[in-house]
Amino acid sequence: MASRSALPKRCLRRIRLFHRHKLVDIGGGHGRIFTEILKRNPQMHGILFNLPHALEGARKAIAQAELADRCEVISGDFFVSVPAGGGTCMLFFAQGEATHS
């Protein structure tokens, strides 16, 4: 989903997570939405969970946003399992992006 991870800023302003302390972004691509949400919610820590091919871009985006101390990047397949211990899970599912047989 790395190619479709741009979300209009007006939508990000409407996401309210003031009382949340952990966000798990499942299939988070390169982390653009994830990092924007964490920047807007300084109390929050996060886990970005995605397939191995997207992780380098995610680590780069997290480092550029200066959020490495609040983020963990985990490799995996959400069709198999997702990380345990997360508070709020986020999954943006773009039609046609995922196929599962």
PDB file of N, CA and C in Angstrom:
ATOM      1  N   MET A   1       0.805  -1.193   0.000  1.00  0.00           N
ATOM      2  CA  MET A   1       0.000   0.000   0.000  1.00  0.00           C
ATOM      3  C   MET A   1       0.848   1.256   0.000  1.00  0.00           C
ATOM      4  N   ALA A   2       2.125   1.099  -0.175  1.00  0.00           N
ATOM      5  CA  ALA A   2       3.007   2.246  -0.131  1.00  0.00           C
ATOM      6  C   ALA A   2       2.643   3.306  -1.155  1.00  0.00           C
ATOM      7  N   SER A   3       2.174   2.909  -2.315  1.00  0.00           N
ATOM      8  CA  SER A   3       1.865   3.873  -3.359  1.00  0.00           C
ATOM      9  C   SER A   3       0.607   4.686  -3.072  1.00  0.00           C
ATOM     10  N   ARG A   4      -0.253   4.216  -2.174  1.00  0.00           N
ATOM     11  CA  ARG A   4      -1.503   4.908  -1.914  1.00  0.00           C
ATOM     12  C   ARG A   4      -1.602   5.450  -0.492  1.00  0.00           C
ATOM     13  N   SER A   5      -0.452   5.698   0.145  1.00  0.00           N
ATOM     14  CA  SER A   5      -0.508   6.080   1.543  1.00  0.00           C
ATOM     15  C   SER A   5      -0.643   7.584   1.760  1.00  0.00           C
ATOM     16  N   ALA A   6      -0.925   8.352   0.722  1.00  0.00           N
ATOM     17  CA  ALA A   6      -1.168   9.773   0.896  1.00  0.00           C
ATOM     18  C   ALA A   6      -2.631   9.966   1.300  1.00  0.00           C
ATOM     19  N   LEU A   7      -2.834  10.683   2.372  1.00  0.00           N
ATOM     20  CA  LEU A   7      -4.179  10.962   2.851  1.00  0.00           C
ATOM     21  C   LEU A   7      -4.301  12.473   2.990  1.00  0.00           C
ATOM     22  N   PRO A   8      -5.379  13.050   2.474  1.00  0.00           N
ATOM     23  CA  PRO A   8      -5.513  14.507   2.563  1.00  0.00           C
ATOM     24  C   PRO A   8      -5.403  14.991   4.001  1.00  0.00           C
ATOM     25  N   LYS A   9      -4.718  16.119   4.172  1.00  0.00           N
ATOM     26  CA  LYS A   9      -4.510  16.672   5.517  1.00  0.00           C
ATOM     27  C   LYS A   9      -5.821  16.988   6.221  1.00  0.00           C
ATOM     28  N   ARG A  10      -6.842  17.340   5.491  1.00  0.00           N
ATOM     29  CA  ARG A  10      -8.116  17.637   6.145  1.00  0.00           C
ATOM     30  C   ARG A  10      -8.700  16.391   6.814  1.00  0.00           C
ATOM     31  N   CYS A  11      -8.434  15.217   6.232  1.00  0.00           N
ATOM     32  CA  CYS A  11      -8.882  13.961   6.867  1.00  0.00           C
ATOM     33  C   CYS A  11      -8.073  13.678   8.121  1.00  0.00           C
ATOM     34  N   LEU A  12      -6.766  13.910   8.059  1.00  0.00           N
ATOM     35  CA  LEU A  12      -5.921  13.686   9.235  1.00  0.00           C
ATOM     36  C   LEU A  12      -6.339  14.579  10.400  1.00  0.00           C
ATOM     37  N   ARG A  13      -6.773  15.783  10.121  1.00  0.00           N
ATOM     38  CA  ARG A  13      -7.215  16.689  11.191  1.00  0.00           C
ATOM     39  C   ARG A  13      -8.456  16.164  11.901  1.00  0.00           C
ATOM     40  N   ARG A  14      -9.229  15.330  11.238  1.00  0.00           N
ATOM     41  CA  ARG A  14     -10.462  14.798  11.826  1.00  0.00           C
ATOM     42  C   ARG A  14     -10.237  13.543  12.674  1.00  0.00           C
ATOM     43  N   ILE A  15      -9.074  12.932  12.561  1.00  0.00           N
ATOM     44  CA  ILE A  15      -8.782  11.738  13.353  1.00  0.00           C
ATOM     45  C   ILE A  15      -8.423  12.170  14.763  1.00  0.00           C
ATOM     46  N   ARG A  16      -9.219  11.781  15.736  1.00  0.00           N
ATOM     47  CA  ARG A  16      -9.035  12.171  17.132  1.00  0.00           C
ATOM     48  C   ARG A  16      -8.587  10.971  17.956  1.00  0.00           C
ATOM     49  N   LEU A  17      -7.362  11.015  18.443  1.00  0.00           N
ATOM     50  CA  LEU A  17      -6.809   9.914  19.215  1.00  0.00           C
ATOM     51  C   LEU A  17      -6.172  10.413  20.507  1.00  0.00           C
ATOM     52  N   PHE A  18      -6.741  11.463  21.102  1.00  0.00           N
ATOM     53  CA  PHE A  18      -6.149  12.104  22.281  1.00  0.00           C
ATOM     54  C   PHE A  18      -5.916  11.145  23.437  1.00  0.00           C
ATOM     55  N   HIS A  19      -6.807  10.202  23.646  1.00  0.00           N
ATOM     56  CA  HIS A  19      -6.717   9.322  24.807  1.00  0.00           C
ATOM     57  C   HIS A  19      -6.118   7.960  24.460  1.00  0.00           C
ATOM     58  N   ARG A  20      -5.518   7.853  23.304  1.00  0.00           N
ATOM     59  CA  ARG A  20      -4.894   6.602  22.878  1.00  0.00           C
ATOM     60  C   ARG A  20      -3.385   6.715  23.092  1.00  0.00           C
ATOM     61  N   HIS A  21      -2.783   5.607  23.499  1.00  0.00           N
ATOM     62  CA  HIS A  21      -1.353   5.642  23.780  1.00  0.00           C
ATOM     63  C   HIS A  21      -0.532   4.769  22.842  1.00  0.00           C
ATOM     64  N   LYS A  22      -1.190   3.892  22.097  1.00  0.00           N
ATOM     65  CA  LYS A  22      -0.466   3.053  21.148  1.00  0.00           C
ATOM     66  C   LYS A  22      -1.316   2.857  19.900  1.00  0.00           C
ATOM     67  N   LEU A  23      -0.652   3.009  18.754  1.00  0.00           N
ATOM     68  CA  LEU A  23      -1.299   2.819  17.458  1.00  0.00           C
ATOM     69  C   LEU A  23      -0.553   1.731  16.712  1.00  0.00           C
ATOM     70  N   VAL A  24      -1.272   0.766  16.168  1.00  0.00           N
ATOM     71  CA  VAL A  24      -0.689  -0.266  15.319  1.00  0.00           C
ATOM     72  C   VAL A  24      -1.223  -0.039  13.909  1.00  0.00           C
ATOM     73  N   ASP A  25      -0.331   0.306  13.012  1.00  0.00           N
ATOM     74  CA  ASP A  25      -0.703   0.522  11.617  1.00  0.00           C
ATOM     75  C   ASP A  25      -0.444  -0.773  10.862  1.00  0.00           C
ATOM     76  N   ILE A  26      -1.505  -1.455  10.505  1.00  0.00           N
ATOM     77  CA  ILE A  26      -1.424  -2.754   9.847  1.00  0.00           C
ATOM     78  C   ILE A  26      -1.407  -2.536   8.336  1.00  0.00           C
ATOM     79  N   GLY A  27      -0.328  -2.968   7.705  1.00  0.00           N
ATOM     80  CA  GLY A  27      -0.171  -2.731   6.271  1.00  0.00           C
ATOM     81  C   GLY A  27       0.137  -1.273   6.010  1.00  0.00           C
ATOM     82  N   GLY A  28       0.993  -0.692   6.831  1.00  0.00           N
ATOM     83  CA  GLY A  28       1.230   0.747   6.843  1.00  0.00           C
ATOM     84  C   GLY A  28       2.074   1.317   5.732  1.00  0.00           C
ATOM     85  N   GLY A  29       2.437   0.521   4.749  1.00  0.00           N
ATOM     86  CA  GLY A  29       3.217   1.047   3.632  1.00  0.00           C
ATOM     87  C   GLY A  29       4.506   1.683   4.098  1.00  0.00           C
ATOM     88  N   HIS A  30       4.793   2.860   3.597  1.00  0.00           N
ATOM     89  CA  HIS A  30       6.001   3.575   3.983  1.00  0.00           C
ATOM     90  C   HIS A  30       5.785   4.476   5.188  1.00  0.00           C
ATOM     91  N   GLY A  31       4.620   4.417   5.788  1.00  0.00           N
ATOM     92  CA  GLY A  31       4.401   5.102   7.058  1.00  0.00           C
ATOM     93  C   GLY A  31       4.025   6.572   6.983  1.00  0.00           C
ATOM     94  N   ARG A  32       3.588   7.050   5.860  1.00  0.00           N
ATOM     95  CA  ARG A  32       3.257   8.480   5.760  1.00  0.00           C
ATOM     96  C   ARG A  32       2.072   8.856   6.648  1.00  0.00           C
ATOM     97  N   ILE A  33       1.021   8.073   6.611  1.00  0.00           N
ATOM     98  CA  ILE A  33      -0.149   8.354   7.454  1.00  0.00           C
ATOM     99  C   ILE A  33       0.211   8.133   8.913  1.00  0.00           C
ATOM    100  N   PHE A  34       0.884   7.042   9.183  1.00  0.00           N
ATOM    101  CA  PHE A  34       1.329   6.670  10.527  1.00  0.00           C
ATOM    102  C   PHE A  34       2.141   7.790  11.177  1.00  0.00           C
ATOM    103  N   THR A  35       3.150   8.302  10.455  1.00  0.00           N
ATOM    104  CA  THR A  35       3.996   9.355  11.029  1.00  0.00           C
ATOM    105  C   THR A  35       3.216  10.653  11.233  1.00  0.00           C
ATOM    106  N   GLU A  36       2.320  10.972  10.334  1.00  0.00           N
ATOM    107  CA  GLU A  36       1.512  12.184  10.516  1.00  0.00           C
ATOM    108  C   GLU A  36       0.636  12.087  11.762  1.00  0.00           C
ATOM    109  N   ILE A  37       0.037  10.935  11.977  1.00  0.00           N
ATOM    110  CA  ILE A  37      -0.804  10.754  13.167  1.00  0.00           C
ATOM    111  C   ILE A  37       0.039  10.846  14.434  1.00  0.00           C
ATOM    112  N   LEU A  38       1.219  10.209  14.433  1.00  0.00           N
ATOM    113  CA  LEU A  38       2.073  10.276  15.625  1.00  0.00           C
ATOM    114  C   LEU A  38       2.580  11.697  15.881  1.00  0.00           C
ATOM    115  N   LYS A  39       2.890  12.434  14.842  1.00  0.00           N
ATOM    116  CA  LYS A  39       3.326  13.830  15.042  1.00  0.00           C
ATOM    117  C   LYS A  39       2.211  14.662  15.667  1.00  0.00           C
ATOM    118  N   ARG A  40       0.973  14.373  15.317  1.00  0.00           N
ATOM    119  CA  ARG A  40      -0.169  15.126  15.847  1.00  0.00           C
ATOM    120  C   ARG A  40      -0.609  14.649  17.225  1.00  0.00           C
ATOM    121  N   ASN A  41      -0.058  13.535  17.686  1.00  0.00           N
ATOM    122  CA  ASN A  41      -0.422  12.939  18.976  1.00  0.00           C
ATOM    123  C   ASN A  41       0.851  12.576  19.739  1.00  0.00           C
ATOM    124  N   PRO A  42       1.489  13.546  20.373  1.00  0.00           N
ATOM    125  CA  PRO A  42       2.800  13.317  21.000  1.00  0.00           C
ATOM    126  C   PRO A  42       2.790  12.316  22.156  1.00  0.00           C
ATOM    127  N   GLN A  43       1.647  11.984  22.695  1.00  0.00           N
ATOM    128  CA  GLN A  43       1.558  11.009  23.784  1.00  0.00           C
ATOM    129  C   GLN A  43       1.598   9.577  23.259  1.00  0.00           C
ATOM    130  N   MET A  44       1.497   9.415  21.962  1.00  0.00           N
ATOM    131  CA  MET A  44       1.306   8.106  21.352  1.00  0.00           C
ATOM    132  C   MET A  44       2.616   7.469  20.890  1.00  0.00           C
ATOM    133  N   HIS A  45       2.700   6.140  21.055  1.00  0.00           N
ATOM    134  CA  HIS A  45       3.753   5.311  20.494  1.00  0.00           C
ATOM    135  C   HIS A  45       3.108   4.444  19.420  1.00  0.00           C
ATOM    136  N   GLY A  46       3.919   3.874  18.544  1.00  0.00           N
ATOM    137  CA  GLY A  46       3.309   3.104  17.483  1.00  0.00           C
ATOM    138  C   GLY A  46       4.109   1.939  16.982  1.00  0.00           C
ATOM    139  N   ILE A  47       3.385   1.059  16.314  1.00  0.00           N
ATOM    140  CA  ILE A  47       3.958  -0.086  15.619  1.00  0.00           C
ATOM    141  C   ILE A  47       3.479  -0.013  14.170  1.00  0.00           C
ATOM    142  N   LEU A  48       4.423  -0.024  13.247  1.00  0.00           N
ATOM    143  CA  LEU A  48       4.081  -0.118  11.837  1.00  0.00           C
ATOM    144  C   LEU A  48       4.357  -1.553  11.417  1.00  0.00           C
ATOM    145  N   PHE A  49       3.341  -2.228  10.911  1.00  0.00           N
ATOM    146  CA  PHE A  49       3.397  -3.649  10.584  1.00  0.00           C
ATOM    147  C   PHE A  49       3.144  -3.820   9.101  1.00  0.00           C
ATOM    148  N   ASN A  50       4.115  -4.412   8.410  1.00  0.00           N
ATOM    149  CA  ASN A  50       3.939  -4.594   6.966  1.00  0.00           C
ATOM    150  C   ASN A  50       4.845  -5.697   6.450  1.00  0.00           C
ATOM    151  N   LEU A  51       4.667  -6.018   5.180  1.00  0.00           N
ATOM    152  CA  LEU A  51       5.512  -6.994   4.508  1.00  0.00           C
ATOM    153  C   LEU A  51       6.942  -6.465   4.422  1.00  0.00           C
ATOM    154  N   PRO A  52       7.916  -7.366   4.346  1.00  0.00           N
ATOM    155  CA  PRO A  52       9.322  -6.949   4.383  1.00  0.00           C
ATOM    156  C   PRO A  52       9.731  -5.910   3.340  1.00  0.00           C
ATOM    157  N   HIS A  53       9.171  -5.967   2.140  1.00  0.00           N
ATOM    158  CA  HIS A  53       9.605  -5.049   1.079  1.00  0.00           C
ATOM    159  C   HIS A  53       9.290  -3.583   1.377  1.00  0.00           C
ATOM    160  N   ALA A  54       8.374  -3.309   2.273  1.00  0.00           N
ATOM    161  CA  ALA A  54       8.005  -1.918   2.584  1.00  0.00           C
ATOM    162  C   ALA A  54       8.743  -1.357   3.789  1.00  0.00           C
ATOM    163  N   LEU A  55       9.445  -2.181   4.518  1.00  0.00           N
ATOM    164  CA  LEU A  55      10.004  -1.748   5.791  1.00  0.00           C
ATOM    165  C   LEU A  55      11.126  -0.734   5.672  1.00  0.00           C
ATOM    166  N   GLU A  56      11.950  -0.828   4.653  1.00  0.00           N
ATOM    167  CA  GLU A  56      13.038   0.142   4.509  1.00  0.00           C
ATOM    168  C   GLU A  56      12.477   1.552   4.342  1.00  0.00           C
ATOM    169  N   GLY A  57      11.457   1.695   3.499  1.00  0.00           N
ATOM    170  CA  GLY A  57      10.819   2.996   3.320  1.00  0.00           C
ATOM    171  C   GLY A  57      10.153   3.491   4.585  1.00  0.00           C
ATOM    172  N   ALA A  58       9.571   2.576   5.350  1.00  0.00           N
ATOM    173  CA  ALA A  58       8.920   2.944   6.607  1.00  0.00           C
ATOM    174  C   ALA A  58       9.950   3.444   7.617  1.00  0.00           C
ATOM    175  N   ARG A  59      11.055   2.730   7.745  1.00  0.00           N
ATOM    176  CA  ARG A  59      12.106   3.162   8.682  1.00  0.00           C
ATOM    177  C   ARG A  59      12.642   4.543   8.301  1.00  0.00           C
ATOM    178  N   LYS A  60      12.789   4.769   7.025  1.00  0.00           N
ATOM    179  CA  LYS A  60      13.287   6.063   6.536  1.00  0.00           C
ATOM    180  C   LYS A  60      12.303   7.185   6.880  1.00  0.00           C
ATOM    181  N   ALA A  61      11.005   6.958   6.629  1.00  0.00           N
ATOM    182  CA  ALA A  61       9.988   7.970   6.927  1.00  0.00           C
ATOM    183  C   ALA A  61       9.922   8.263   8.428  1.00  0.00           C
ATOM    184  N   ILE A  62      10.032   7.230   9.243  1.00  0.00           N
ATOM    185  CA  ILE A  62       9.989   7.387  10.698  1.00  0.00           C
ATOM    186  C   ILE A  62      11.208   8.178  11.174  1.00  0.00           C
ATOM    187  N   ALA A  63      12.380   7.867  10.637  1.00  0.00           N
ATOM    188  CA  ALA A  63      13.595   8.602  11.002  1.00  0.00           C
ATOM    189  C   ALA A  63      13.509  10.056  10.566  1.00  0.00           C
ATOM    190  N   GLN A  64      13.028  10.312   9.356  1.00  0.00           N
ATOM    191  CA  GLN A  64      12.895  11.685   8.862  1.00  0.00           C
ATOM    192  C   GLN A  64      11.914  12.493   9.700  1.00  0.00           C
ATOM    193  N   ALA A  65      10.896  11.833  10.235  1.00  0.00           N
ATOM    194  CA  ALA A  65       9.907  12.510  11.077  1.00  0.00           C
ATOM    195  C   ALA A  65      10.388  12.626  12.532  1.00  0.00           C
ATOM    196  N   GLU A  66      11.585  12.102  12.806  1.00  0.00           N
ATOM    197  CA  GLU A  66      12.182  12.127  14.149  1.00  0.00           C
ATOM    198  C   GLU A  66      11.285  11.434  15.174  1.00  0.00           C
ATOM    199  N   LEU A  67      10.769  10.262  14.789  1.00  0.00           N
ATOM    200  CA  LEU A  67       9.863   9.504  15.646  1.00  0.00           C
ATOM    201  C   LEU A  67      10.409   8.132  16.023  1.00  0.00           C
ATOM    202  N   ALA A  68      11.675   7.862  15.720  1.00  0.00           N
ATOM    203  CA  ALA A  68      12.232   6.528  15.949  1.00  0.00           C
ATOM    204  C   ALA A  68      12.142   6.095  17.412  1.00  0.00           C
ATOM    205  N   ASP A  69      12.186   7.029  18.331  1.00  0.00           N
ATOM    206  CA  ASP A  69      12.115   6.684  19.758  1.00  0.00           C
ATOM    207  C   ASP A  69      10.710   6.283  20.199  1.00  0.00           C
ATOM    208  N   ARG A  70       9.713   6.519  19.347  1.00  0.00           N
ATOM    209  CA  ARG A  70       8.319   6.187  19.680  1.00  0.00           C
ATOM    210  C   ARG A  70       7.728   5.128  18.771  1.00  0.00           C
ATOM    211  N   CYS A  71       8.543   4.543  17.888  1.00  0.00           N
ATOM    212  CA  CYS A  71       8.020   3.618  16.882  1.00  0.00           C
ATOM    213  C   CYS A  71       8.790   2.308  16.846  1.00  0.00           C
ATOM    214  N   GLU A  72       8.063   1.283  16.481  1.00  0.00           N
ATOM    215  CA  GLU A  72       8.638  -0.027  16.228  1.00  0.00           C
ATOM    216  C   GLU A  72       8.147  -0.460  14.843  1.00  0.00           C
ATOM    217  N   VAL A  73       9.025  -1.043  14.069  1.00  0.00           N
ATOM    218  CA  VAL A  73       8.676  -1.529  12.735  1.00  0.00           C
ATOM    219  C   VAL A  73       8.786  -3.050  12.763  1.00  0.00           C
ATOM    220  N   ILE A  74       7.697  -3.725  12.413  1.00  0.00           N
ATOM    221  CA  ILE A  74       7.643  -5.183  12.481  1.00  0.00           C
ATOM    222  C   ILE A  74       7.234  -5.746  11.124  1.00  0.00           C
ATOM    223  N   SER A  75       7.949  -6.772  10.707  1.00  0.00           N
ATOM    224  CA  SER A  75       7.653  -7.455   9.453  1.00  0.00           C
ATOM    225  C   SER A  75       6.644  -8.570   9.687  1.00  0.00           C
ATOM    226  N   GLY A  76       5.692  -8.686   8.770  1.00  0.00           N
ATOM    227  CA  GLY A  76       4.730  -9.769   8.868  1.00  0.00           C
ATOM    228  C   GLY A  76       3.646  -9.643   7.818  1.00  0.00           C
ATOM    229  N   ASP A  77       2.731 -10.588   7.847  1.00  0.00           N
ATOM    230  CA  ASP A  77       1.630 -10.667   6.900  1.00  0.00           C
ATOM    231  C   ASP A  77       0.321 -10.661   7.687  1.00  0.00           C
ATOM    232  N   PHE A  78      -0.512  -9.637   7.505  1.00  0.00           N
ATOM    233  CA  PHE A  78      -1.730  -9.540   8.315  1.00  0.00           C
ATOM    234  C   PHE A  78      -2.758 -10.617   7.983  1.00  0.00           C
ATOM    235  N   PHE A  79      -2.553 -11.344   6.893  1.00  0.00           N
ATOM    236  CA  PHE A  79      -3.428 -12.478   6.620  1.00  0.00           C
ATOM    237  C   PHE A  79      -3.083 -13.668   7.520  1.00  0.00           C
ATOM    238  N   VAL A  80      -1.892 -13.639   8.111  1.00  0.00           N
ATOM    239  CA  VAL A  80      -1.436 -14.709   8.993  1.00  0.00           C
ATOM    240  C   VAL A  80      -1.636 -14.330  10.454  1.00  0.00           C
ATOM    241  N   SER A  81      -1.150 -13.151  10.844  1.00  0.00           N
ATOM    242  CA  SER A  81      -1.303 -12.664  12.220  1.00  0.00           C
ATOM    243  C   SER A  81      -0.954 -11.184  12.265  1.00  0.00           C
ATOM    244  N   VAL A  82      -1.276 -10.552  13.369  1.00  0.00           N
ATOM    245  CA  VAL A  82      -0.932  -9.152  13.601  1.00  0.00           C
ATOM    246  C   VAL A  82      -0.239  -9.053  14.961  1.00  0.00           C
ATOM    247  N   PRO A  83       0.520  -7.967  15.202  1.00  0.00           N
ATOM    248  CA  PRO A  83       1.216  -7.834  16.478  1.00  0.00           C
ATOM    249  C   PRO A  83       0.249  -7.783  17.664  1.00  0.00           C
ATOM    250  N   ALA A  84       0.614  -8.445  18.729  1.00  0.00           N
ATOM    251  CA  ALA A  84      -0.179  -8.418  19.959  1.00  0.00           C
ATOM    252  C   ALA A  84       0.202  -7.195  20.789  1.00  0.00           C
ATOM    253  N   GLY A  85      -0.687  -6.802  21.660  1.00  0.00           N
ATOM    254  CA  GLY A  85      -0.386  -5.730  22.597  1.00  0.00           C
ATOM    255  C   GLY A  85      -0.639  -4.328  22.092  1.00  0.00           C
ATOM    256  N   GLY A  86      -1.231  -4.211  20.925  1.00  0.00           N
ATOM    257  CA  GLY A  86      -1.520  -2.887  20.393  1.00  0.00           C
ATOM    258  C   GLY A  86      -2.773  -2.313  21.019  1.00  0.00           C
ATOM    259  N   GLY A  87      -2.855  -1.019  21.052  1.00  0.00           N
ATOM    260  CA  GLY A  87      -4.041  -0.367  21.570  1.00  0.00           C
ATOM    261  C   GLY A  87      -5.062  -0.167  20.464  1.00  0.00           C
ATOM    262  N   THR A  88      -4.818   0.811  19.621  1.00  0.00           N
ATOM    263  CA  THR A  88      -5.709   1.145  18.524  1.00  0.00           C
ATOM    264  C   THR A  88      -5.090   0.630  17.235  1.00  0.00           C
ATOM    265  N   CYS A  89      -5.840  -0.158  16.475  1.00  0.00           N
ATOM    266  CA  CYS A  89      -5.331  -0.684  15.208  1.00  0.00           C
ATOM    267  C   CYS A  89      -5.913   0.121  14.058  1.00  0.00           C
ATOM    268  N   MET A  90      -5.083   0.353  13.047  1.00  0.00           N
ATOM    269  CA  MET A  90      -5.497   1.120  11.884  1.00  0.00           C
ATOM    270  C   MET A  90      -5.196   0.289  10.650  1.00  0.00           C
ATOM    271  N   LEU A  91      -6.180   0.174   9.783  1.00  0.00           N
ATOM    272  CA  LEU A  91      -6.000  -0.537   8.528  1.00  0.00           C
ATOM    273  C   LEU A  91      -6.742   0.241   7.453  1.00  0.00           C
ATOM    274  N   PHE A  92      -5.999   0.869   6.553  1.00  0.00           N
ATOM    275  CA  PHE A  92      -6.602   1.514   5.392  1.00  0.00           C
ATOM    276  C   PHE A  92      -6.528   0.501   4.279  1.00  0.00           C
ATOM    277  N   PHE A  93      -7.678   0.107   3.771  1.00  0.00           N
ATOM    278  CA  PHE A  93      -7.713  -0.944   2.762  1.00  0.00           C
ATOM    279  C   PHE A  93      -8.177  -0.339   1.454  1.00  0.00           C
ATOM    280  N   ALA A  94      -7.260  -0.254   0.513  1.00  0.00           N
ATOM    281  CA  ALA A  94      -7.594   0.285  -0.809  1.00  0.00           C
ATOM    282  C   ALA A  94      -8.095  -0.844  -1.683  1.00  0.00           C
ATOM    283  N   GLN A  95      -9.222  -0.635  -2.316  1.00  0.00           N
ATOM    284  CA  GLN A  95      -9.817  -1.658  -3.164  1.00  0.00           C
ATOM    285  C   GLN A  95      -8.821  -2.068  -4.240  1.00  0.00           C
ATOM    286  N   GLY A  96      -8.660  -3.360  -4.390  1.00  0.00           N
ATOM    287  CA  GLY A  96      -7.770  -3.868  -5.417  1.00  0.00           C
ATOM    288  C   GLY A  96      -6.328  -3.999  -4.994  1.00  0.00           C
ATOM    289  N   GLU A  97      -5.976  -3.503  -3.822  1.00  0.00           N
ATOM    290  CA  GLU A  97      -4.595  -3.554  -3.368  1.00  0.00           C
ATOM    291  C   GLU A  97      -4.195  -4.924  -2.866  1.00  0.00           C
ATOM    292  N   ALA A  98      -5.100  -5.622  -2.200  1.00  0.00           N
ATOM    293  CA  ALA A  98      -4.748  -6.917  -1.614  1.00  0.00           C
ATOM    294  C   ALA A  98      -5.578  -8.009  -2.258  1.00  0.00           C
ATOM    295  N   THR A  99      -4.914  -9.094  -2.551  1.00  0.00           N
ATOM    296  CA  THR A  99      -5.626 -10.272  -3.046  1.00  0.00           C
ATOM    297  C   THR A  99      -5.215 -11.432  -2.176  1.00  0.00           C
ATOM    298  N   HIS A 100      -6.139 -12.267  -1.873  1.00  0.00           N
ATOM    299  CA  HIS A 100      -5.864 -13.418  -1.023  1.00  0.00           C
ATOM    300  C   HIS A 100      -6.623 -14.608  -1.574  1.00  0.00           C
ATOM    301  N   SER A 101      -5.917 -15.686  -1.845  1.00  0.00           N
ATOM    302  CA  SER A 101      -6.586 -16.865  -2.410  1.00  0.00           C
ATOM    303  C   SER A 101      -6.851 -17.900  -1.360  1.00  0.00           C
TER     304      SER A 101
END
